[in-house]
Amino acid sequence: MLGSFAALLANTISQDGDALFPLLAIDRKSSFWATVITTIPALFVGIIYYFIEIHL
């Protein structure tokens, strides 16, 4: 298997896409917080699902 579903799920949650580039040009502080706000839940869900995936 190339990668775990937990990694794909976390990537899907934290994906900002191209919307972050204009925000970065306008306001760096807001782009930082937008990244933090999407990364923390992605890590949480990815880790939880990873451990669920191991036990199933």
Protein backbone atom coordinates (compact mmCIF):
# COMPACT_ATOMS: atom_id res chain seq x y z
CA MET A 1 0.00 0.00 0.00
CA LEU A 2 1.44 3.37 -0.96
CA GLY A 3 0.07 5.37 1.95
CA SER A 4 -2.38 5.13 4.74
CA PHE A 5 -5.89 6.46 4.56
CA ALA A 6 -5.18 8.48 7.72
CA ALA A 7 -2.56 10.52 5.85
CA LEU A 8 -4.94 11.13 2.96
CA LEU A 9 -7.70 12.16 5.36
CA ALA A 10 -5.44 14.59 7.24
CA ASN A 11 -4.24 16.08 3.95
CA THR A 12 -7.83 16.58 2.81
CA ILE A 13 -8.72 18.41 6.01
CA SER A 14 -5.66 20.67 5.99
CA GLN A 15 -5.67 21.49 2.28
CA ASP A 16 -5.89 25.27 1.80
CA GLY A 17 -5.55 25.17 -1.96
CA ASP A 18 -4.96 28.25 -4.03
CA ALA A 19 -7.02 30.47 -1.73
CA LEU A 20 -4.06 30.88 0.60
CA PHE A 21 -1.87 32.66 -1.99
CA PRO A 22 -3.98 35.86 -2.27
CA LEU A 23 -4.40 35.91 1.50
CA LEU A 24 -0.64 35.58 1.93
CA ALA A 25 -0.12 38.57 -0.36
CA ILE A 26 -2.68 40.66 1.52
CA ASP A 27 -2.12 39.68 5.15
CA ARG A 28 0.64 37.34 6.31
CA LYS A 29 -0.67 37.08 9.85
CA SER A 30 -4.10 35.92 8.68
CA SER A 31 -2.58 33.38 6.33
CA PHE A 32 -0.50 32.00 9.20
CA TRP A 33 -3.56 31.61 11.41
CA ALA A 34 -5.59 30.07 8.58
CA THR A 35 -2.86 27.47 8.19
CA VAL A 36 -2.75 26.80 11.93
CA ILE A 37 -6.53 26.50 12.15
CA THR A 38 -6.59 23.86 9.42
CA THR A 39 -3.44 21.99 10.50
CA ILE A 40 -4.34 21.31 14.13
CA PRO A 41 -7.66 19.52 13.41
CA ALA A 42 -6.01 17.65 10.54
CA LEU A 43 -3.28 16.32 12.82
CA PHE A 44 -5.81 15.39 15.49
CA VAL A 45 -8.11 13.51 13.09
CA GLY A 46 -5.19 11.91 11.24
CA ILE A 47 -3.59 10.57 14.41
CA ILE A 48 -6.90 9.29 15.79
CA TYR A 49 -7.77 7.56 12.52
CA TYR A 50 -4.25 6.14 12.25
CA PHE A 51 -4.63 4.37 15.59
CA ILE A 52 -8.13 3.18 14.65
CA GLU A 53 -6.71 1.86 11.37
CA ILE A 54 -3.97 -0.08 13.19
CA HIS A 55 -6.41 -1.85 15.51
CA LEU A 56 -8.86 -2.87 12.79
